[in-house]
Amino acid sequence: MKYYMFNGLKRDMSKNKPKKEINKKKVIKVVIIILVILLFITMGILYAKNNNVRNFFDKYIFRKEVKEENLPTIELEGVKETNVYAYKNYIVIIDDNLIKMYNKSAKEECSLDAQISNPIFESNGDYLCIAEKGGQKLYLIKDKNLVWQKDIEGNISSVNVNSNGYVSITISRNKL
């Protein structure tokens, strides 16, 4: 046996240590991750520098190009007394004492009866408060469900709702 001295330590150089085997699965995973990262970096640089690539990505990948014929629409029959309000992910339309709520795809989500001719809208988070200006009717809606409705003594001037659904009302009384 031969012993060699390196830095004051004896080492046996006659023993052949087996070579470590390379884990092929780990190597393949690392190579794929590196290729994906390089692909994203390349696409980002091309998007930033090349207008043709940017237009292609905007049109076919990100769908940024909006045309009138592709947009969802809500057809209104009688526009004379229609009131429209947007809150959260809904469009609220009050027409003929009926509250209709539409989603962002212009599909009707729900419909509620309401006796309101001149509405005041106020929203905060998930809550929507609808009151009749100069009237007595008041409605609180959470998402698309009616939480409560009230008749108030006096004439409603303004309303406010916080993110927890608490409503404050400003009323004026008629002089007798």
Protein backbone atom coordinates (compact mmCIF):
# COMPACT_ATOMS: atom_id res chain seq x y z
CA MET A 1 0.00 0.00 0.00
CA LYS A 2 1.17 3.42 -0.86
CA TYR A 3 0.53 6.36 1.37
CA TYR A 4 0.97 9.93 0.29
CA MET A 5 1.15 12.91 2.52
CA PHE A 6 -1.00 15.93 1.61
CA ASN A 7 -1.13 18.87 4.00
CA GLY A 8 -0.03 16.66 6.85
CA LEU A 9 -2.74 14.02 6.24
CA LYS A 10 -2.13 10.49 5.08
CA ARG A 11 -4.21 9.33 2.15
CA ASP A 12 -4.48 5.92 0.68
CA MET A 13 -4.24 6.35 -3.11
CA SER A 14 -4.46 2.70 -3.99
CA LYS A 15 -8.19 2.41 -3.32
CA ASN A 16 -10.33 3.21 -6.30
CA LYS A 17 -13.47 4.96 -5.24
CA PRO A 18 -16.56 4.22 -7.32
CA LYS A 19 -17.73 7.08 -9.50
CA LYS A 20 -20.99 8.79 -8.55
CA GLU A 21 -23.83 8.06 -10.92
CA ILE A 22 -25.61 11.03 -12.42
CA ASN A 23 -29.35 11.17 -11.73
CA LYS A 24 -30.79 11.59 -15.23
CA LYS A 25 -34.24 12.68 -14.04
CA LYS A 26 -32.84 15.60 -12.07
CA VAL A 27 -30.66 16.69 -14.97
CA ILE A 28 -33.63 16.60 -17.36
CA LYS A 29 -35.77 18.66 -14.93
CA VAL A 30 -33.04 21.28 -14.49
CA VAL A 31 -32.50 21.55 -18.25
CA ILE A 32 -36.26 21.96 -18.87
CA ILE A 33 -36.54 24.65 -16.19
CA ILE A 34 -33.58 26.53 -17.65
CA LEU A 35 -35.08 26.31 -21.15
CA VAL A 36 -38.45 27.61 -19.94
CA ILE A 37 -36.79 30.52 -18.15
CA LEU A 38 -34.77 31.36 -21.26
CA LEU A 39 -37.94 31.16 -23.37
CA PHE A 40 -39.77 33.62 -21.07
CA ILE A 41 -36.81 36.00 -21.06
CA THR A 42 -36.58 35.84 -24.87
CA MET A 43 -40.32 36.45 -25.28
CA GLY A 44 -40.15 39.36 -22.85
CA ILE A 45 -37.30 40.99 -24.75
CA LEU A 46 -39.03 40.45 -28.09
CA TYR A 47 -42.29 41.88 -26.68
CA ALA A 48 -40.46 44.97 -25.41
CA LYS A 49 -38.36 45.60 -28.53
CA ASN A 50 -40.36 44.38 -31.55
CA ASN A 51 -43.69 46.02 -32.47
CA ASN A 52 -44.82 43.12 -34.68
CA VAL A 53 -44.31 40.63 -31.84
CA ARG A 54 -46.06 42.99 -29.42
CA ASN A 55 -49.07 43.32 -31.73
CA PHE A 56 -49.25 39.54 -32.18
CA PHE A 57 -49.10 38.93 -28.41
CA ASP A 58 -51.65 41.66 -27.68
CA LYS A 59 -54.08 40.31 -30.26
CA TYR A 60 -53.80 36.52 -29.89
CA ILE A 61 -52.28 35.86 -26.46
CA PHE A 62 -53.45 38.72 -24.19
CA ARG A 63 -56.64 39.45 -26.19
CA LYS A 64 -56.18 43.19 -25.81
CA GLU A 65 -57.77 44.02 -29.13
CA VAL A 66 -61.39 44.86 -28.46
CA LYS A 67 -63.89 45.29 -31.26
CA GLU A 68 -67.48 46.37 -30.95
CA GLU A 69 -68.91 43.23 -32.53
CA ASN A 70 -67.09 41.02 -29.97
CA LEU A 71 -68.30 42.84 -26.86
CA PRO A 72 -71.15 41.53 -24.70
CA THR A 73 -74.19 43.81 -24.84
CA ILE A 74 -77.30 44.42 -22.79
CA GLU A 75 -80.35 45.34 -24.83
CA LEU A 76 -82.62 47.96 -23.22
CA GLU A 77 -86.15 48.20 -24.55
CA GLY A 78 -87.47 51.45 -23.10
CA VAL A 79 -84.68 53.89 -22.39
CA LYS A 80 -87.05 56.56 -21.05
CA GLU A 81 -86.82 55.69 -17.33
CA THR A 82 -83.86 53.33 -17.18
CA ASN A 83 -81.22 53.89 -14.48
CA VAL A 84 -77.85 52.12 -14.78
CA TYR A 85 -75.17 51.64 -12.12
CA ALA A 86 -72.00 49.52 -12.09
CA TYR A 87 -70.80 47.92 -8.86
CA LYS A 88 -68.34 45.14 -8.10
CA ASN A 89 -68.66 42.71 -11.06
CA TYR A 90 -72.23 43.63 -11.86
CA ILE A 91 -74.19 46.14 -13.90
CA VAL A 92 -77.41 47.11 -12.15
CA ILE A 93 -80.35 48.37 -14.19
CA ILE A 94 -83.54 49.70 -12.65
CA ASP A 95 -86.44 49.80 -15.07
CA ASP A 96 -90.20 49.56 -14.45
CA ASN A 97 -89.80 48.90 -10.69
CA LEU A 98 -87.45 45.99 -11.34
CA ILE A 99 -83.77 45.73 -10.37
CA LYS A 100 -81.85 43.55 -12.82
CA MET A 101 -78.23 42.58 -12.21
CA TYR A 102 -75.99 41.50 -15.07
CA ASN A 103 -72.51 39.96 -14.86
CA LYS A 104 -69.52 41.04 -16.94
CA SER A 105 -70.61 38.71 -19.76
CA ALA A 106 -73.95 40.58 -19.98
CA LYS A 107 -75.90 37.60 -18.62
CA GLU A 108 -78.69 38.38 -16.19
CA GLU A 109 -77.73 37.10 -12.73
CA CYS A 110 -80.81 38.08 -10.74
CA SER A 111 -83.93 40.19 -10.70
CA LEU A 112 -85.54 41.90 -7.70
CA ASP A 113 -88.80 43.82 -7.34
CA ALA A 114 -88.32 47.43 -6.23
CA GLN A 115 -90.66 50.39 -5.95
CA ILE A 116 -88.12 53.04 -6.96
CA SER A 117 -88.62 55.69 -9.60
CA ASN A 118 -85.71 58.08 -8.89
CA PRO A 119 -82.87 55.96 -7.40
CA ILE A 120 -79.78 56.93 -5.43
CA PHE A 121 -76.99 54.36 -5.64
CA GLU A 122 -74.17 53.87 -3.16
CA SER A 123 -71.80 50.90 -3.04
CA ASN A 124 -68.84 49.76 -0.98
CA GLY A 125 -67.19 46.36 -1.42
CA ASP A 126 -69.86 43.66 -1.66
CA TYR A 127 -72.73 45.96 -0.62
CA LEU A 128 -75.01 48.09 -2.76
CA CYS A 129 -77.55 50.45 -1.24
CA ILE A 130 -80.37 51.72 -3.44
CA ALA A 131 -82.75 54.38 -2.17
CA GLU A 132 -85.47 56.50 -3.67
CA LYS A 133 -84.43 60.17 -3.79
CA GLY A 134 -87.15 62.17 -2.10
CA GLY A 135 -88.99 58.95 -1.26
CA GLN A 136 -89.13 56.39 1.54
CA LYS A 137 -87.89 53.11 0.00
CA LEU A 138 -84.45 51.71 0.83
CA TYR A 139 -82.79 48.45 -0.31
CA LEU A 140 -79.50 46.82 0.69
CA ILE A 141 -78.01 44.19 -1.62
CA LYS A 142 -74.97 42.02 -0.91
CA ASP A 143 -73.45 40.53 -4.05
CA LYS A 144 -76.70 39.61 -5.82
CA ASN A 145 -78.90 38.87 -2.80
CA LEU A 146 -81.36 41.27 -1.17
CA VAL A 147 -80.29 41.65 2.48
CA TRP A 148 -83.16 43.89 3.58
CA GLN A 149 -85.59 46.56 2.47
CA LYS A 150 -87.07 49.34 4.61
CA ASP A 151 -89.62 52.10 4.43
CA ILE A 152 -88.28 55.27 6.06
CA GLU A 153 -90.32 58.10 7.55
CA GLY A 154 -89.40 61.31 5.79
CA ASN A 155 -87.79 61.93 2.44
CA ILE A 156 -84.40 60.37 1.70
CA SER A 157 -81.77 62.91 0.63
CA SER A 158 -78.66 60.71 0.55
CA VAL A 159 -77.36 57.31 1.65
CA ASN A 160 -74.01 55.82 2.55
CA VAL A 161 -72.89 52.21 3.08
CA ASN A 162 -69.61 50.94 4.51
CA SER A 163 -67.74 47.74 3.65
CA ASN A 164 -69.48 45.86 6.50
CA GLY A 165 -72.97 46.67 5.22
CA TYR A 166 -73.87 49.39 7.73
CA VAL A 167 -76.08 52.03 6.12
CA SER A 168 -76.49 55.67 7.06
CA ILE A 169 -79.32 57.76 5.67
CA THR A 170 -79.88 61.51 5.46
CA ILE A 171 -83.58 62.33 5.54
CA SER A 172 -85.61 65.50 5.48
CA ARG A 173 -89.06 65.74 6.97
CA ASN A 174 -91.96 67.48 5.31
CA LYS A 175 -93.19 70.56 7.14
CA LEU A 176 -96.73 70.22 8.41
